[in-house]
C-alpha cells in the first residue's frame, strides 16, 4: 500500500473515532437529562402525594367531627 493511502485511511479512522466519541458524549448527556427529568417528576409526585394525604386527612377529620355532632344531636 502506498504510504499516502495509509495516512489517509488512518486519518479517516481517527475522524470516525472522534465522531463516535462525540456521539457517545451526546448520548451520555441525554441520559443525564433524562435522569434529571425523572428525578424532578418523582419529586413532584412526592409533593403531590403529601398534599393529597393532608387533604384526605382534613376531610376525614371533618367527617368524623360532623358524624360525632350528628350522633350527639339526634341521639
Protein backbone atom coordinates (compact mmCIF):
# COMPACT_ATOMS: atom_id res chain seq x y z
CA UNK A 1 0.00 0.00 0.00
CA UNK A 2 1.07 3.48 -0.73
CA UNK A 3 2.14 5.49 2.33
CA UNK A 4 -0.17 8.37 1.44
CA UNK A 5 -3.11 5.96 1.24
CA UNK A 6 -2.25 4.51 4.64
CA UNK A 7 -2.08 8.01 6.12
CA UNK A 8 -5.42 8.88 4.53
CA UNK A 9 -7.06 5.71 5.93
CA UNK A 10 -5.63 6.38 9.38
CA UNK A 11 -6.96 9.94 9.28
CA UNK A 12 -10.39 8.64 8.27
CA UNK A 13 -10.30 6.13 11.12
CA UNK A 14 -9.35 8.90 13.55
CA UNK A 15 -12.18 11.10 12.27
CA UNK A 16 -14.66 8.23 12.68
CA UNK A 17 -13.39 7.58 16.21
CA UNK A 18 -13.85 11.25 17.08
CA UNK A 19 -17.40 11.13 15.70
CA UNK A 20 -18.05 8.03 17.81
CA UNK A 21 -16.73 9.74 20.93
CA UNK A 22 -18.88 12.80 20.23
CA UNK A 23 -21.94 10.58 19.74
CA UNK A 24 -21.23 8.74 22.99
CA UNK A 25 -20.81 12.02 24.85
CA UNK A 26 -24.12 13.29 23.45
CA UNK A 27 -25.82 10.04 24.45
CA UNK A 28 -24.42 10.41 27.95
CA UNK A 29 -25.69 14.00 28.18
CA UNK A 30 -29.11 12.84 27.00
CA UNK A 31 -29.14 10.12 29.66
CA UNK A 32 -28.19 12.64 32.34
CA UNK A 33 -31.01 14.93 31.21
CA UNK A 34 -33.46 12.03 31.28
CA UNK A 35 -32.37 11.03 34.78
CA UNK A 36 -32.69 14.62 35.97
CA UNK A 37 -36.18 14.91 34.46
CA UNK A 38 -37.21 11.63 36.06
CA UNK A 39 -35.93 12.76 39.46
CA UNK A 40 -37.85 16.03 39.14
CA UNK A 41 -41.01 14.16 38.18
CA UNK A 42 -40.64 11.86 41.18
CA UNK A 43 -40.15 14.86 43.47
CA UNK A 44 -43.31 16.47 42.08
CA UNK A 45 -45.14 13.20 42.62
CA UNK A 46 -44.00 13.02 46.24
CA UNK A 47 -45.11 16.61 46.87
CA UNK A 48 -48.48 15.91 45.28
CA UNK A 49 -48.86 12.73 47.29
CA UNK A 50 -48.07 14.60 50.51
CA UNK A 51 -50.56 17.36 49.70
CA UNK A 52 -53.23 14.83 48.80
CA UNK A 53 -52.60 12.97 52.06
CA UNK A 54 -53.08 16.19 54.03
CA UNK A 55 -56.31 16.98 52.18
CA UNK A 56 -57.64 13.47 52.80
CA UNK A 57 -56.73 13.70 56.49
CA UNK A 58 -58.50 17.06 56.84
CA UNK A 59 -61.62 15.75 55.10
CA UNK A 60 -61.59 12.62 57.25
CA UNK A 61 -61.34 14.71 60.43
CA UNK A 62 -64.21 16.92 59.24
CA UNK A 63 -66.37 13.88 58.51
CA UNK A 64 -65.63 12.40 61.93
CA UNK A 65 -66.41 15.69 63.68
CA UNK A 66 -69.67 16.06 61.76
CA UNK A 67 -70.60 12.45 62.42
CA UNK A 68 -69.96 12.91 66.12
CA UNK A 69 -72.08 16.06 66.09
CA UNK A 70 -74.95 14.34 64.28
CA UNK A 71 -74.84 11.35 66.60
CA UNK A 72 -74.87 13.55 69.71
CA UNK A 73 -77.52 15.92 68.35
CA UNK A 74 -80.01 13.27 67.22
CA UNK A 75 -79.47 10.58 69.85
